[in-house]
C-alpha cells in the first residue's frame, strides 16, 4: 500500500510541475504577443527588454529592486503588527529605508519601560523572521525628556 501511495504522490508532483511549466510558457507567449504588438504594459515591457538585452548587471539590479520592495513591505507590516500587540504606542515613530534595512526612530515617554520593551521585542521578532533573507530593522529609542526632533531624513508614521 505504501508503494502505491508514493507512486501516486510522485505522479501528482509530476503533473503539478508540468502544469506549472505549461501555464508559465502560455503566459510568456501571451506577453510576447502583447510585446510584439506594442501593447504590453510599460513596467513589464521594461523588464522583458532588460532580460532580452542580457545585461547581467541590470538584470540583477532589477531583481534586487523587486526583492527589496517585497521584503521591506513585509518587514514594515510585520513590525507594526508586533508593535500593535503591545497595546501601547510611542509618542512619535519615523522610518528610514534602504535596500536591505529599515531604521526606526521612536520617541517614548520618560521611563516607559513597557513601550521600550515593546519596541525592542517588535524589532527582535521581525529580525528573527527576516534576517535570514539579508534584511533587518534597527531602532533608535529616545525619551520625550531628551527633546530631540525626528531626523530630517526619516519619514514620520502616524499610529492610530
Protein backbone atom coordinates (compact mmCIF):
# COMPACT_ATOMS: atom_id res chain seq x y z
CA UNK A 1 0.00 0.00 0.00
CA UNK A 2 2.83 2.40 0.88
CA UNK A 3 4.49 1.95 -2.54
CA UNK A 4 1.23 2.75 -4.33
CA UNK A 5 0.79 5.92 -2.25
CA UNK A 6 4.35 7.04 -3.01
CA UNK A 7 3.81 6.45 -6.74
CA UNK A 8 0.58 8.47 -6.61
CA UNK A 9 2.35 11.35 -4.82
CA UNK A 10 5.16 11.30 -7.41
CA UNK A 11 2.61 11.27 -10.27
CA UNK A 12 0.78 14.26 -8.72
CA UNK A 13 4.05 16.18 -8.30
CA UNK A 14 4.98 15.44 -11.92
CA UNK A 15 1.54 16.65 -13.06
CA UNK A 16 1.88 19.81 -10.96
CA UNK A 17 5.32 20.57 -12.40
CA UNK A 18 4.10 20.01 -15.94
CA UNK A 19 1.01 22.18 -15.35
CA UNK A 20 3.15 24.94 -13.84
CA UNK A 21 5.52 24.98 -16.82
CA UNK A 22 2.62 24.83 -19.30
CA UNK A 23 0.99 27.82 -17.61
CA UNK A 24 4.30 29.72 -17.46
CA UNK A 25 5.02 29.16 -21.16
CA UNK A 26 1.45 30.16 -22.03
CA UNK A 27 1.80 33.39 -20.04
CA UNK A 28 5.14 34.15 -21.70
CA UNK A 29 3.68 33.59 -25.17
CA UNK A 30 0.74 35.86 -24.31
CA UNK A 31 3.14 38.56 -23.09
CA UNK A 32 5.22 38.08 -26.24
CA UNK A 33 2.16 38.78 -28.39
CA UNK A 34 1.45 41.95 -26.40
CA UNK A 35 5.13 42.93 -26.58
CA UNK A 36 5.27 42.36 -30.35
CA UNK A 37 2.15 44.49 -30.85
CA UNK A 38 3.47 47.23 -28.55
CA UNK A 39 0.55 46.94 -26.11
CA UNK A 40 2.33 45.34 -23.15
CA UNK A 41 2.20 47.49 -20.01
CA UNK A 42 5.25 49.73 -19.60
CA UNK A 43 6.69 48.03 -16.48
CA UNK A 44 6.55 44.55 -17.98
CA UNK A 45 7.94 45.82 -21.27
CA UNK A 46 10.94 47.31 -19.46
CA UNK A 47 11.54 44.05 -17.57
CA UNK A 48 11.41 41.96 -20.75
CA UNK A 49 13.62 44.46 -22.61
CA UNK A 50 16.19 44.22 -19.82
CA UNK A 51 16.06 40.40 -19.85
CA UNK A 52 16.35 40.32 -23.65
CA UNK A 53 19.36 42.68 -23.52
CA UNK A 54 21.30 40.12 -21.48
CA UNK A 55 22.81 42.90 -19.35
CA UNK A 56 23.60 40.87 -16.21
CA UNK A 57 24.22 43.91 -14.00
CA UNK A 58 20.88 45.46 -14.92
CA UNK A 59 19.04 42.13 -14.65
CA UNK A 60 20.40 41.59 -11.15
CA UNK A 61 19.66 45.19 -10.22
CA UNK A 62 16.01 44.70 -11.21
CA UNK A 63 15.90 41.52 -9.17
CA UNK A 64 17.35 43.33 -6.17
CA UNK A 65 14.82 46.16 -6.51
CA UNK A 66 11.94 43.69 -6.63
CA UNK A 67 13.34 41.73 -3.71
CA UNK A 68 13.85 44.87 -1.63
CA UNK A 69 10.35 46.16 -2.35
CA UNK A 70 8.86 42.79 -1.40
CA UNK A 71 10.84 42.28 1.82
CA UNK A 72 10.81 45.88 3.06
CA UNK A 73 7.00 45.91 2.74
CA UNK A 74 6.74 42.60 4.61
CA UNK A 75 9.13 43.78 7.34
CA UNK A 76 7.22 47.01 7.96
CA UNK A 77 3.92 45.14 8.07
CA UNK A 78 5.33 42.55 10.48
CA UNK A 79 6.96 45.17 12.70
CA UNK A 80 3.78 47.21 13.12
CA UNK A 81 1.67 44.09 13.73
CA UNK A 82 4.06 43.16 16.53
CA UNK A 83 4.07 46.72 17.87
CA UNK A 84 0.24 46.80 17.97
CA UNK A 85 0.30 43.69 20.16
CA UNK A 86 1.97 45.76 22.91
CA UNK A 87 -1.30 47.73 23.29
CA UNK A 88 0.84 50.83 23.70
CA UNK A 89 2.25 53.29 21.21
CA UNK A 90 5.23 55.61 21.07
CA UNK A 91 4.72 59.39 21.06
CA UNK A 92 6.42 59.56 17.68
CA UNK A 93 7.73 56.99 15.25
CA UNK A 94 9.54 57.51 11.97
CA UNK A 95 11.25 55.28 9.41
CA UNK A 96 14.25 55.49 7.10
CA UNK A 97 14.55 52.77 4.48
CA UNK A 98 17.32 51.45 2.29
CA UNK A 99 17.64 48.37 0.06
CA UNK A 100 18.12 45.96 2.94
CA UNK A 101 17.31 47.69 6.20
CA UNK A 102 14.80 49.87 7.95
CA UNK A 103 15.85 52.33 10.61
CA UNK A 104 13.23 53.17 13.23
CA UNK A 105 13.33 56.37 15.29
CA UNK A 106 10.87 56.27 18.18
CA UNK A 107 10.14 58.71 20.95
CA UNK A 108 8.55 57.36 24.14
CA UNK A 109 7.63 58.91 27.48
CA UNK A 110 10.38 59.06 30.08
CA UNK A 111 10.80 55.72 31.87
CA UNK A 112 8.10 54.00 29.78
CA UNK A 113 9.66 50.55 30.10
CA UNK A 114 6.59 48.81 28.65
CA UNK A 115 6.79 50.77 25.39
CA UNK A 116 10.57 50.45 25.21
CA UNK A 117 10.31 46.68 25.69
CA UNK A 118 7.57 46.56 23.05
CA UNK A 119 9.74 48.38 20.51
CA UNK A 120 12.72 46.14 21.24
CA UNK A 121 10.62 42.96 21.09
CA UNK A 122 8.95 44.05 17.83
CA UNK A 123 12.38 44.60 16.32
CA UNK A 124 13.72 41.28 17.63
CA UNK A 125 10.76 39.25 16.35
CA UNK A 126 10.88 40.95 12.95
CA UNK A 127 14.63 40.41 12.62
CA UNK A 128 14.25 36.77 13.65
CA UNK A 129 11.89 36.27 10.73
CA UNK A 130 13.63 38.29 8.01
CA UNK A 131 17.36 38.42 8.76
CA UNK A 132 17.83 35.06 7.01
CA UNK A 133 16.93 36.89 3.77
CA UNK A 134 19.51 39.65 4.37
CA UNK A 135 17.04 42.27 5.63
CA UNK A 136 16.77 43.81 9.08
CA UNK A 137 15.33 46.57 11.19
CA UNK A 138 17.24 48.69 13.70
CA UNK A 139 15.73 51.05 16.29
CA UNK A 140 16.78 54.24 17.99
CA UNK A 141 14.62 54.92 21.03
CA UNK A 142 14.64 58.33 22.69
CA UNK A 143 12.59 59.73 25.56
CA UNK A 144 10.45 62.86 25.38
CA UNK A 145 12.69 64.47 28.01
CA UNK A 146 15.60 64.26 25.55
CA UNK A 147 13.84 66.97 23.49
CA UNK A 148 15.07 65.59 20.16
CA UNK A 149 13.40 66.19 16.82
CA UNK A 150 12.80 63.41 14.32
CA UNK A 151 15.82 63.44 11.98
CA UNK A 152 15.01 65.10 8.66
CA UNK A 153 15.76 62.03 6.53
CA UNK A 154 13.19 59.92 8.40
CA UNK A 155 9.52 59.72 7.37
CA UNK A 156 7.05 60.12 10.23
CA UNK A 157 4.37 57.46 10.60
CA UNK A 158 1.03 58.02 12.30
CA UNK A 159 -0.19 55.21 14.51
CA UNK A 160 -3.88 55.28 15.37
